[in-house]
């Protein structure tokens, strides 16, 4: 029996927040309230279908407490916001040497299309979305609630 190699593709590091903001190029500030900060990484193998799946998973992820304090409510349930930041560094490989290798991240031309697809899909699910700016220097302020931080990854096994 041969082993099946599983590899991860599109990634979203989701942080539950009470509020968050991003300042783009030290000038424009964009703010959100209660909800998620999503750091989104795109690989060369990702497709529009992966972006749509991940947006749906993000919106429906039940990590907000119900009346009993248990994780039972989603971003949709609480009518929360999302701040989505492109994050190619989620694909850093630092196993060798001291300088991370980012070759597992998609090239910017491909990544921006899927980043925008994810943002549109999340907004299409009635989630108010703010974004950083693809490829720009950004200062991100995160008020992590809990803290709750979850990595959502889609694999080749889907």
N, C-alpha and C. Protein backbone atom coordinates (compact mmCIF):
# COMPACT_ATOMS: atom_id res chain seq x y z
N UNK A 1 0.84 -1.17 0.00
CA UNK A 1 0.00 0.00 0.00
C UNK A 1 0.89 1.24 0.00
N UNK A 2 0.64 2.17 -0.91
CA UNK A 2 1.46 3.38 -0.97
C UNK A 2 0.83 4.48 -0.13
N UNK A 3 1.70 5.30 0.42
CA UNK A 3 1.23 6.40 1.26
C UNK A 3 0.75 7.55 0.38
N UNK A 4 -0.31 8.20 0.80
CA UNK A 4 -0.83 9.36 0.11
C UNK A 4 -0.19 10.59 0.74
N UNK A 5 0.40 11.41 -0.09
CA UNK A 5 1.04 12.62 0.42
C UNK A 5 -0.01 13.71 0.54
N UNK A 6 -0.17 14.22 1.75
CA UNK A 6 -1.10 15.32 1.97
C UNK A 6 -0.31 16.60 2.08
N UNK A 7 -0.70 17.60 1.33
CA UNK A 7 -0.06 18.90 1.45
C UNK A 7 -1.15 19.94 1.63
N UNK A 8 -0.80 21.01 2.31
CA UNK A 8 -1.76 22.07 2.58
C UNK A 8 -1.70 23.12 1.49
N UNK A 9 -2.88 23.61 1.16
CA UNK A 9 -2.95 24.72 0.22
C UNK A 9 -3.57 25.90 0.96
N UNK A 10 -4.30 26.74 0.36
CA UNK A 10 -4.75 28.00 0.94
C UNK A 10 -4.93 27.94 2.46
N UNK A 11 -4.38 28.95 3.15
CA UNK A 11 -4.40 29.00 4.61
C UNK A 11 -5.02 30.31 5.09
N UNK A 12 -5.76 30.21 6.20
CA UNK A 12 -6.28 31.40 6.87
C UNK A 12 -6.01 31.25 8.36
N UNK A 13 -5.20 32.14 8.89
CA UNK A 13 -4.99 32.18 10.33
C UNK A 13 -6.05 33.14 10.87
N UNK A 14 -7.01 32.59 11.60
CA UNK A 14 -8.18 33.33 12.05
C UNK A 14 -8.03 33.66 13.53
N UNK A 15 -8.11 34.93 13.85
CA UNK A 15 -8.02 35.37 15.24
C UNK A 15 -9.33 36.05 15.63
N UNK A 16 -9.94 35.55 16.72
CA UNK A 16 -11.15 36.18 17.22
C UNK A 16 -10.73 37.47 17.94
N UNK A 17 -11.39 38.58 17.60
CA UNK A 17 -10.98 39.88 18.15
C UNK A 17 -12.18 40.65 18.70
N UNK A 18 -11.86 41.55 19.64
CA UNK A 18 -12.87 42.50 20.10
C UNK A 18 -12.88 43.71 19.19
N UNK A 19 -11.70 44.03 18.62
CA UNK A 19 -11.57 45.08 17.62
C UNK A 19 -10.20 44.93 16.98
N UNK A 20 -10.03 45.55 15.82
CA UNK A 20 -8.76 45.47 15.12
C UNK A 20 -8.67 46.64 14.14
N UNK A 21 -7.45 46.90 13.71
CA UNK A 21 -7.25 47.94 12.70
C UNK A 21 -6.00 47.64 11.90
N UNK A 22 -5.94 48.24 10.74
CA UNK A 22 -4.75 48.17 9.91
C UNK A 22 -4.46 49.58 9.41
N UNK A 23 -3.19 49.95 9.47
CA UNK A 23 -2.74 51.21 8.91
C UNK A 23 -1.85 50.88 7.73
N UNK A 24 -2.23 51.37 6.57
CA UNK A 24 -1.53 51.06 5.33
C UNK A 24 -0.53 52.17 5.01
N UNK A 25 0.75 51.76 4.83
CA UNK A 25 1.82 52.69 4.47
C UNK A 25 1.88 53.89 5.41
N UNK A 26 1.61 53.66 6.69
CA UNK A 26 1.68 54.68 7.74
C UNK A 26 0.70 55.84 7.54
N UNK A 27 -0.32 55.66 6.70
CA UNK A 27 -1.24 56.77 6.45
C UNK A 27 -2.71 56.40 6.66
N UNK A 28 -3.24 55.50 5.88
CA UNK A 28 -4.68 55.19 5.92
C UNK A 28 -4.98 54.11 6.95
N UNK A 29 -5.89 54.40 7.89
CA UNK A 29 -6.27 53.47 8.94
C UNK A 29 -7.67 52.92 8.66
N UNK A 30 -7.80 51.60 8.74
CA UNK A 30 -9.09 50.93 8.56
C UNK A 30 -9.37 50.13 9.82
N UNK A 31 -10.59 50.24 10.36
CA UNK A 31 -10.92 49.63 11.65
C UNK A 31 -12.12 48.71 11.55
N UNK A 32 -12.14 47.71 12.43
CA UNK A 32 -13.29 46.81 12.56
C UNK A 32 -13.61 46.63 14.03
N UNK A 33 -14.81 46.14 14.27
CA UNK A 33 -15.24 45.82 15.62
C UNK A 33 -15.09 44.32 15.88
N UNK A 34 -15.96 43.80 16.72
CA UNK A 34 -15.92 42.40 17.11
C UNK A 34 -16.02 41.49 15.90
N UNK A 35 -15.18 40.48 15.87
CA UNK A 35 -15.19 39.53 14.77
C UNK A 35 -13.88 38.82 14.61
N UNK A 36 -13.35 38.84 13.38
CA UNK A 36 -12.11 38.12 13.06
C UNK A 36 -11.10 39.04 12.39
N UNK A 37 -9.83 38.76 12.67
CA UNK A 37 -8.74 39.18 11.80
C UNK A 37 -8.33 37.91 11.09
N UNK A 38 -8.26 37.97 9.77
CA UNK A 38 -7.89 36.81 8.97
C UNK A 38 -6.59 37.14 8.24
N UNK A 39 -5.55 36.38 8.55
CA UNK A 39 -4.29 36.48 7.81
C UNK A 39 -4.35 35.39 6.76
N UNK A 40 -4.40 35.78 5.49
CA UNK A 40 -4.66 34.84 4.39
C UNK A 40 -3.41 34.58 3.57
N UNK A 41 -3.06 33.30 3.45
CA UNK A 41 -1.92 32.89 2.63
C UNK A 41 -2.39 32.08 1.44
N UNK A 42 -1.78 32.32 0.30
CA UNK A 42 -2.15 31.66 -0.95
C UNK A 42 -0.94 30.91 -1.49
N UNK A 43 -1.17 29.67 -1.93
CA UNK A 43 -0.10 28.87 -2.53
C UNK A 43 -0.29 28.80 -4.04
N UNK A 44 0.73 28.36 -4.78
CA UNK A 44 0.62 28.28 -6.24
C UNK A 44 -0.45 27.30 -6.73
N UNK A 45 -0.83 26.33 -5.89
CA UNK A 45 -1.80 25.31 -6.29
C UNK A 45 -3.25 25.71 -6.01
N UNK A 46 -3.46 26.86 -5.40
CA UNK A 46 -4.81 27.25 -5.00
C UNK A 46 -5.67 27.63 -6.19
N UNK A 47 -6.98 27.44 -5.98
CA UNK A 47 -7.96 27.75 -7.02
C UNK A 47 -9.05 28.66 -6.45
N UNK A 48 -9.89 29.16 -7.31
CA UNK A 48 -11.03 29.95 -6.87
C UNK A 48 -11.92 29.11 -5.96
N UNK A 49 -12.06 27.84 -6.26
CA UNK A 49 -12.85 26.94 -5.41
C UNK A 49 -12.31 26.87 -3.99
N UNK A 50 -11.00 26.90 -3.85
CA UNK A 50 -10.39 26.89 -2.52
C UNK A 50 -10.73 28.18 -1.78
N UNK A 51 -10.68 29.31 -2.48
CA UNK A 51 -11.00 30.60 -1.85
C UNK A 51 -12.45 30.64 -1.40
N UNK A 52 -13.36 30.11 -2.22
CA UNK A 52 -14.78 30.08 -1.86
C UNK A 52 -15.02 29.17 -0.67
N UNK A 53 -14.39 28.01 -0.67
CA UNK A 53 -14.53 27.06 0.44
C UNK A 53 -14.03 27.68 1.74
N UNK A 54 -12.87 28.33 1.67
CA UNK A 54 -12.27 28.92 2.86
C UNK A 54 -13.09 30.09 3.38
N UNK A 55 -13.66 30.89 2.52
CA UNK A 55 -14.51 32.01 2.95
C UNK A 55 -15.75 31.47 3.67
N UNK A 56 -16.35 30.43 3.12
CA UNK A 56 -17.53 29.82 3.75
C UNK A 56 -17.17 29.24 5.12
N UNK A 57 -16.04 28.55 5.19
CA UNK A 57 -15.57 27.97 6.45
C UNK A 57 -15.31 29.07 7.48
N UNK A 58 -14.71 30.16 7.06
CA UNK A 58 -14.43 31.29 7.95
C UNK A 58 -15.72 31.86 8.52
N UNK A 59 -16.67 32.15 7.66
CA UNK A 59 -17.93 32.77 8.09
C UNK A 59 -18.72 31.88 9.04
N UNK A 60 -18.59 30.57 8.88
CA UNK A 60 -19.39 29.62 9.67
C UNK A 60 -18.64 28.99 10.84
N UNK A 61 -17.38 29.37 11.03
CA UNK A 61 -16.57 28.82 12.12
C UNK A 61 -17.17 29.23 13.46
N UNK A 62 -17.53 28.25 14.26
CA UNK A 62 -18.24 28.51 15.52
C UNK A 62 -17.24 28.62 16.68
N UNK A 63 -16.75 29.82 16.91
CA UNK A 63 -15.80 30.05 18.00
C UNK A 63 -16.22 31.20 18.91
N UNK A 64 -17.45 31.65 18.75
CA UNK A 64 -17.98 32.68 19.64
C UNK A 64 -18.89 32.00 20.65
N UNK A 65 -18.87 32.46 21.90
CA UNK A 65 -19.62 31.76 22.94
C UNK A 65 -21.13 31.98 22.86
N UNK A 66 -21.86 30.92 23.23
CA UNK A 66 -23.30 31.05 23.39
C UNK A 66 -23.58 31.52 24.82
N UNK A 67 -24.82 31.47 25.24
CA UNK A 67 -25.21 31.93 26.57
C UNK A 67 -24.55 31.12 27.68
N UNK A 68 -24.16 29.88 27.38
CA UNK A 68 -23.50 29.01 28.37
C UNK A 68 -21.98 29.11 28.31
N UNK A 69 -21.47 29.97 27.44
CA UNK A 69 -20.03 30.16 27.32
C UNK A 69 -19.33 29.16 26.42
N UNK A 70 -20.08 28.33 25.71
CA UNK A 70 -19.48 27.32 24.82
C UNK A 70 -19.36 27.87 23.41
N UNK A 71 -18.31 27.45 22.70
CA UNK A 71 -18.13 27.84 21.30
C UNK A 71 -19.30 27.29 20.51
N UNK A 72 -20.20 28.16 20.09
CA UNK A 72 -21.38 27.68 19.38
C UNK A 72 -21.89 28.67 18.34
N UNK A 73 -21.32 29.87 18.30
CA UNK A 73 -21.81 30.88 17.37
C UNK A 73 -20.72 31.25 16.36
N UNK A 74 -21.18 31.57 15.17
CA UNK A 74 -20.27 31.91 14.08
C UNK A 74 -20.22 33.42 13.89
N UNK A 75 -19.36 33.84 13.01
CA UNK A 75 -19.26 35.24 12.62
C UNK A 75 -20.61 35.72 12.08
N UNK A 76 -21.28 34.86 11.33
CA UNK A 76 -22.60 35.20 10.80
C UNK A 76 -23.61 35.38 11.93
N UNK A 77 -23.57 34.48 12.92
CA UNK A 77 -24.51 34.54 14.04
C UNK A 77 -24.38 35.83 14.84
N UNK A 78 -23.16 36.27 15.06
CA UNK A 78 -22.96 37.47 15.89
C UNK A 78 -22.95 38.75 15.05
N UNK A 79 -23.08 38.59 13.74
CA UNK A 79 -23.02 39.73 12.81
C UNK A 79 -21.71 40.50 12.99
N UNK A 80 -20.61 39.71 13.04
CA UNK A 80 -19.29 40.27 13.26
C UNK A 80 -18.62 40.75 11.99
N UNK A 81 -17.52 41.47 12.18
CA UNK A 81 -16.72 42.01 11.09
C UNK A 81 -15.53 41.10 10.80
N UNK A 82 -14.92 41.33 9.66
CA UNK A 82 -13.66 40.65 9.33
C UNK A 82 -12.68 41.66 8.76
N UNK A 83 -11.46 41.58 9.25
CA UNK A 83 -10.35 42.35 8.70
C UNK A 83 -9.43 41.32 8.04
N UNK A 84 -9.30 41.38 6.73
CA UNK A 84 -8.54 40.38 5.98
C UNK A 84 -7.23 41.00 5.49
N UNK A 85 -6.13 40.33 5.86
CA UNK A 85 -4.79 40.81 5.52
C UNK A 85 -4.07 39.72 4.72
N UNK A 86 -3.54 40.08 3.57
CA UNK A 86 -2.74 39.14 2.79
C UNK A 86 -1.46 38.83 3.56
N UNK A 87 -1.08 37.55 3.62
CA UNK A 87 0.03 37.16 4.48
C UNK A 87 0.84 36.02 3.84
N UNK A 88 1.70 36.34 2.88
CA UNK A 88 2.49 35.31 2.22
C UNK A 88 3.42 34.60 3.19
N UNK A 89 3.75 35.25 4.31
CA UNK A 89 4.69 34.65 5.27
C UNK A 89 4.13 33.42 5.97
N UNK A 90 2.83 33.13 5.80
CA UNK A 90 2.27 31.88 6.34
C UNK A 90 2.91 30.67 5.67
N UNK A 91 3.53 30.89 4.52
CA UNK A 91 4.19 29.79 3.80
C UNK A 91 5.70 29.77 4.02
N UNK A 92 6.18 30.45 5.03
CA UNK A 92 7.61 30.46 5.32
C UNK A 92 8.09 29.06 5.70
N UNK A 93 9.22 28.69 5.16
CA UNK A 93 9.88 27.43 5.52
C UNK A 93 11.23 27.80 6.13
N UNK A 94 11.34 27.60 7.44
CA UNK A 94 12.57 27.98 8.15
C UNK A 94 13.30 26.75 8.68
N UNK A 95 13.07 25.61 8.04
CA UNK A 95 13.73 24.38 8.52
C UNK A 95 15.23 24.39 8.29
N UNK A 96 15.67 25.06 7.23
CA UNK A 96 17.10 25.11 6.92
C UNK A 96 17.59 26.55 7.07
N UNK A 97 18.70 26.71 7.74
CA UNK A 97 19.29 28.04 7.89
C UNK A 97 18.45 28.95 8.77
N UNK A 98 18.73 30.22 8.68
CA UNK A 98 18.05 31.21 9.51
C UNK A 98 17.21 32.19 8.70
N UNK A 99 17.27 32.11 7.38
CA UNK A 99 16.45 32.98 6.54
C UNK A 99 15.31 32.15 5.98
N UNK A 100 14.06 32.54 6.25
CA UNK A 100 12.91 31.77 5.74
C UNK A 100 12.87 31.74 4.22
N UNK A 101 12.40 30.63 3.70
CA UNK A 101 12.20 30.43 2.27
C UNK A 101 10.70 30.59 2.00
N UNK A 102 10.33 31.44 1.06
CA UNK A 102 8.93 31.70 0.78
C UNK A 102 8.47 31.14 -0.56
N UNK A 103 9.22 30.19 -1.12
CA UNK A 103 8.88 29.68 -2.45
C UNK A 103 7.57 28.90 -2.46
N UNK A 104 7.04 28.50 -1.31
CA UNK A 104 5.77 27.79 -1.27
C UNK A 104 4.57 28.73 -1.38
N UNK A 105 4.82 30.03 -1.33
CA UNK A 105 3.75 31.03 -1.49
C UNK A 105 3.54 31.31 -2.97
N UNK A 106 2.30 31.64 -3.31
CA UNK A 106 1.99 31.97 -4.70
C UNK A 106 2.67 33.27 -5.10
N UNK A 107 2.97 33.41 -6.37
CA UNK A 107 3.50 34.67 -6.90
C UNK A 107 2.43 35.75 -6.74
N UNK A 108 2.82 36.99 -6.57
CA UNK A 108 1.84 38.06 -6.33
C UNK A 108 0.73 38.17 -7.37
N UNK A 109 1.06 37.97 -8.64
CA UNK A 109 0.04 38.10 -9.70
C UNK A 109 -1.10 37.11 -9.50
N UNK A 110 -0.79 35.90 -9.08
CA UNK A 110 -1.82 34.88 -8.85
C UNK A 110 -2.46 35.06 -7.48
N UNK A 111 -1.67 35.40 -6.49
CA UNK A 111 -2.17 35.50 -5.12
C UNK A 111 -3.20 36.61 -4.96
N UNK A 112 -2.98 37.74 -5.61
CA UNK A 112 -3.92 38.86 -5.44
C UNK A 112 -5.31 38.50 -5.96
N UNK A 113 -5.38 37.74 -7.03
CA UNK A 113 -6.69 37.34 -7.59
C UNK A 113 -7.46 36.48 -6.60
N UNK A 114 -6.77 35.53 -5.97
CA UNK A 114 -7.44 34.64 -5.02
C UNK A 114 -7.73 35.34 -3.69
N UNK A 115 -6.86 36.25 -3.29
CA UNK A 115 -7.11 37.08 -2.11
C UNK A 115 -8.40 37.88 -2.33
N UNK A 116 -8.51 38.53 -3.47
CA UNK A 116 -9.70 39.32 -3.78
C UNK A 116 -10.94 38.44 -3.91
N UNK A 117 -10.80 37.25 -4.44
CA UNK A 117 -11.91 36.30 -4.54
C UNK A 117 -12.40 35.93 -3.15
N UNK A 118 -11.47 35.64 -2.23
CA UNK A 118 -11.82 35.30 -0.85
C UNK A 118 -12.57 36.47 -0.19
N UNK A 119 -12.05 37.68 -0.35
CA UNK A 119 -12.67 38.87 0.24
C UNK A 119 -14.08 39.06 -0.30
N UNK A 120 -14.26 38.94 -1.61
CA UNK A 120 -15.60 39.08 -2.23
C UNK A 120 -16.55 38.01 -1.70
N UNK A 121 -16.06 36.77 -1.61
CA UNK A 121 -16.91 35.66 -1.15
C UNK A 121 -17.33 35.88 0.30
N UNK A 122 -16.42 36.32 1.14
CA UNK A 122 -16.76 36.57 2.55
C UNK A 122 -17.78 37.71 2.64
N UNK A 123 -17.58 38.76 1.88
CA UNK A 123 -18.54 39.85 1.84
C UNK A 123 -19.89 39.42 1.29
N UNK A 124 -19.87 38.51 0.33
CA UNK A 124 -21.10 37.98 -0.25
C UNK A 124 -21.92 37.14 0.72
N UNK A 125 -21.28 36.72 1.80
CA UNK A 125 -21.99 35.96 2.85
C UNK A 125 -22.52 36.90 3.93
N UNK A 126 -22.55 38.19 3.65
CA UNK A 126 -23.07 39.22 4.56
C UNK A 126 -22.14 39.52 5.72
N UNK A 127 -20.85 39.29 5.54
CA UNK A 127 -19.85 39.66 6.54
C UNK A 127 -19.27 41.01 6.13
N UNK A 128 -19.37 42.03 6.99
CA UNK A 128 -18.71 43.30 6.68
C UNK A 128 -17.19 43.09 6.68
N UNK A 129 -16.55 43.41 5.56
CA UNK A 129 -15.12 43.13 5.40
C UNK A 129 -14.34 44.42 5.17
N UNK A 130 -13.24 44.53 5.90
CA UNK A 130 -12.24 45.56 5.64
C UNK A 130 -10.98 44.80 5.26
N UNK A 131 -10.10 45.46 4.53
CA UNK A 131 -8.88 44.79 4.10
C UNK A 131 -7.67 45.66 4.33
N UNK A 132 -6.54 44.99 4.30
CA UNK A 132 -5.29 45.70 4.19
C UNK A 132 -5.10 46.02 2.73
N UNK A 133 -3.87 46.25 2.32
CA UNK A 133 -3.59 46.50 0.91
C UNK A 133 -2.54 45.50 0.46
N UNK A 134 -2.87 44.73 -0.53
CA UNK A 134 -2.00 43.67 -1.01
C UNK A 134 -0.63 44.24 -1.36
N UNK A 135 0.41 43.65 -0.79
CA UNK A 135 1.78 44.03 -1.10
C UNK A 135 2.30 45.28 -0.41
N UNK A 136 1.46 45.95 0.36
CA UNK A 136 1.88 47.19 1.03
C UNK A 136 2.44 46.88 2.42
N UNK A 137 3.19 47.82 2.96
CA UNK A 137 3.61 47.71 4.35
C UNK A 137 2.42 48.12 5.21
N UNK A 138 2.11 47.30 6.22
CA UNK A 138 0.95 47.56 7.07
C UNK A 138 1.32 47.37 8.53
N UNK A 139 0.70 48.17 9.38
CA UNK A 139 0.76 47.98 10.82
C UNK A 139 -0.61 47.48 11.23
N UNK A 140 -0.65 46.29 11.82
CA UNK A 140 -1.91 45.67 12.20
C UNK A 140 -2.02 45.67 13.72
N UNK A 141 -3.12 46.19 14.21
CA UNK A 141 -3.39 46.20 15.65
C UNK A 141 -4.52 45.22 15.90
N UNK A 142 -4.24 44.23 16.74
CA UNK A 142 -5.19 43.15 16.99
C UNK A 142 -5.47 43.05 18.48
N UNK A 143 -6.73 43.10 18.84
CA UNK A 143 -7.14 42.87 20.23
C UNK A 143 -7.75 41.47 20.26
N UNK A 144 -6.86 40.47 20.38
CA UNK A 144 -7.25 39.07 20.34
C UNK A 144 -8.14 38.76 21.53
N UNK A 145 -9.29 38.18 21.28
CA UNK A 145 -10.29 37.89 22.29
C UNK A 145 -10.19 36.43 22.71
N UNK A 146 -9.80 36.20 23.93
CA UNK A 146 -9.72 34.83 24.46
C UNK A 146 -8.39 34.51 25.08
N UNK A 147 -7.31 34.41 24.39
CA UNK A 147 -7.16 34.52 22.93
C UNK A 147 -7.64 33.26 22.21
N UNK A 148 -8.23 33.49 21.06
CA UNK A 148 -8.65 32.39 20.19
C UNK A 148 -8.00 32.62 18.84
N UNK A 149 -7.16 31.67 18.42
CA UNK A 149 -6.48 31.73 17.13
C UNK A 149 -6.53 30.34 16.51
N UNK A 150 -7.07 30.24 15.30
CA UNK A 150 -7.24 28.94 14.65
C UNK A 150 -6.72 29.02 13.21
N UNK A 151 -5.94 27.99 12.82
CA UNK A 151 -5.46 27.90 11.45
C UNK A 151 -6.45 27.07 10.65
N UNK A 152 -7.02 27.67 9.62
CA UNK A 152 -7.88 26.94 8.68
C UNK A 152 -7.05 26.64 7.45
N UNK A 153 -6.98 25.37 7.09
CA UNK A 153 -6.21 24.96 5.92
C UNK A 153 -7.02 23.98 5.10
N UNK A 154 -6.93 24.12 3.83
CA UNK A 154 -7.53 23.15 2.94
C UNK A 154 -6.41 22.27 2.42
N UNK A 155 -6.62 20.97 2.40
CA UNK A 155 -5.59 20.06 1.93
C UNK A 155 -5.95 19.53 0.55
N UNK A 156 -5.01 18.84 -0.05
CA UNK A 156 -5.29 18.24 -1.35
C UNK A 156 -6.36 17.17 -1.23
N UNK A 157 -6.62 16.69 -0.03
CA UNK A 157 -7.69 15.73 0.22
C UNK A 157 -9.03 16.42 0.37
N UNK A 158 -9.01 17.74 0.37
CA UNK A 158 -10.15 18.64 0.51
C UNK A 158 -10.83 18.35 1.82
